[in-house]
Amino acid sequence: MPVVKIHAVRAADAREADLEGRFVSCRADMGDVPGFRGLELLRPVDGVGRYFVVSWWYFDDSFYDWLSYGRELAHGVSTARLGVASELLEFEVVDLRGLAGDLR
């Protein structure tokens, strides 16, 4: 079942440009990651300073394999050195077409 992972990320000490630059590099390197479907970085406009990193995966296991073994390679540095604090939000993709058929 496809899944969506959203990391709510806060850049420390006005390092937003650094954070955005790292995700440009990260996105380019993600094409060969098994189970990866796509990635978007959402920039805050409300003054709160919290970015959302939205990633789509074919399988939950693919995400956790990448999280365990590939995340630091993708970012080129350990996450502790990125100067960010993050929180992971996890979702399953609801098949609305299948659900609509069940409601009939």
Protein backbone atom coordinates (compact mmCIF):
# COMPACT_ATOMS: atom_id res chain seq x y z
CA MET A 1 0.00 0.00 0.00
CA PRO A 2 1.45 3.42 -0.91
CA VAL A 3 2.33 5.61 2.04
CA VAL A 4 3.09 9.28 2.59
CA LYS A 5 5.61 10.49 5.14
CA ILE A 6 5.68 14.11 6.22
CA HIS A 7 8.56 15.49 8.21
CA ALA A 8 7.77 18.76 9.95
CA VAL A 9 11.17 20.47 10.00
CA ARG A 10 12.38 23.64 11.68
CA ALA A 11 15.63 25.17 10.50
CA ALA A 12 17.83 26.53 13.27
CA ASP A 13 19.39 29.99 13.35
CA ALA A 14 17.99 31.37 10.08
CA ARG A 15 19.49 28.51 8.06
CA GLU A 16 16.53 28.16 5.71
CA ALA A 17 18.67 28.57 2.57
CA ASP A 18 20.98 25.79 3.76
CA LEU A 19 18.01 23.53 4.44
CA GLU A 20 16.49 24.17 1.02
CA GLY A 21 19.84 23.58 -0.69
CA ARG A 22 20.28 20.24 1.03
CA PHE A 23 16.89 19.08 -0.20
CA VAL A 24 17.77 20.03 -3.78
CA SER A 25 20.75 17.68 -3.51
CA CYS A 26 18.77 15.05 -1.63
CA ARG A 27 16.00 14.95 -4.24
CA ALA A 28 18.51 14.40 -7.04
CA ASP A 29 19.98 11.41 -5.18
CA MET A 30 16.66 9.76 -4.35
CA GLY A 31 15.85 8.48 -7.85
CA ASP A 32 17.62 5.16 -7.28
CA VAL A 33 16.18 4.48 -3.82
CA PRO A 34 13.99 1.35 -3.94
CA GLY A 35 10.33 2.12 -3.27
CA PHE A 36 10.70 5.91 -3.50
CA ARG A 37 7.98 7.70 -5.53
CA GLY A 38 8.59 11.41 -4.98
CA LEU A 39 9.47 14.30 -2.68
CA GLU A 40 8.36 17.88 -2.17
CA LEU A 41 9.61 20.56 0.21
CA LEU A 42 6.91 22.96 1.37
CA ARG A 43 8.23 26.38 2.49
CA PRO A 44 6.39 28.10 5.36
CA VAL A 45 4.57 31.36 4.64
CA ASP A 46 3.00 31.91 8.06
CA GLY A 47 6.10 33.17 9.86
CA VAL A 48 6.28 30.07 12.05
CA GLY A 49 9.29 28.71 10.18
CA ARG A 50 8.22 25.08 9.94
CA TYR A 51 8.87 23.34 6.62
CA PHE A 52 7.09 20.17 5.55
CA VAL A 53 9.00 17.51 3.65
CA VAL A 54 6.43 15.33 1.90
CA SER A 55 7.64 12.02 0.50
CA TRP A 56 5.72 9.26 -1.23
CA TRP A 57 6.71 5.61 -1.00
CA TYR A 58 5.36 2.43 -2.58
CA PHE A 59 5.80 0.54 0.68
CA ASP A 60 6.31 1.45 4.32
CA ASP A 61 9.31 -0.90 4.53
CA SER A 62 11.05 1.02 1.74
CA PHE A 63 10.86 4.22 3.76
CA TYR A 64 12.20 2.60 6.91
CA ASP A 65 15.04 0.92 5.02
CA TRP A 66 16.02 4.31 3.61
CA LEU A 67 15.64 5.95 7.02
CA SER A 68 17.95 3.37 8.60
CA TYR A 69 20.57 3.08 5.89
CA GLY A 70 20.37 5.90 3.37
CA ARG A 71 19.24 9.12 5.00
CA GLU A 72 22.69 10.41 5.95
CA LEU A 73 24.03 9.52 2.51
CA ALA A 74 21.19 11.44 0.86
CA HIS A 75 21.81 14.54 2.96
CA GLY A 76 25.57 14.26 2.76
CA VAL A 77 25.86 14.90 6.49
CA SER A 78 24.41 13.51 9.70
CA THR A 79 21.02 14.93 10.56
CA ALA A 80 22.40 16.22 13.85
CA ARG A 81 24.70 18.53 11.89
CA LEU A 82 21.89 19.88 9.70
CA GLY A 83 20.75 22.20 12.48
CA VAL A 84 17.14 21.09 12.27
CA ALA A 85 14.52 19.64 14.55
CA SER A 86 11.95 17.36 12.94
CA GLU A 87 8.81 15.42 13.68
CA LEU A 88 7.57 12.53 11.53
CA LEU A 89 3.90 12.32 10.51
CA GLU A 90 2.81 9.10 8.78
CA PHE A 91 -0.17 8.37 6.52
CA GLU A 92 -1.54 5.62 4.31
CA VAL A 93 -2.98 6.59 0.94
CA VAL A 94 -6.73 5.95 0.84
CA ASP A 95 -7.91 4.41 -2.42
CA LEU A 96 -10.94 6.61 -2.99
CA ARG A 97 -11.97 4.74 -6.14
CA GLY A 98 -12.05 1.45 -4.25
CA LEU A 99 -13.77 3.07 -1.30
CA ALA A 100 -16.45 4.58 -3.57
CA GLY A 101 -17.20 1.09 -4.94
CA ASP A 102 -17.60 -0.26 -1.39
CA LEU A 103 -20.15 2.46 -0.54
CA ARG A 104 -22.50 1.54 -3.38
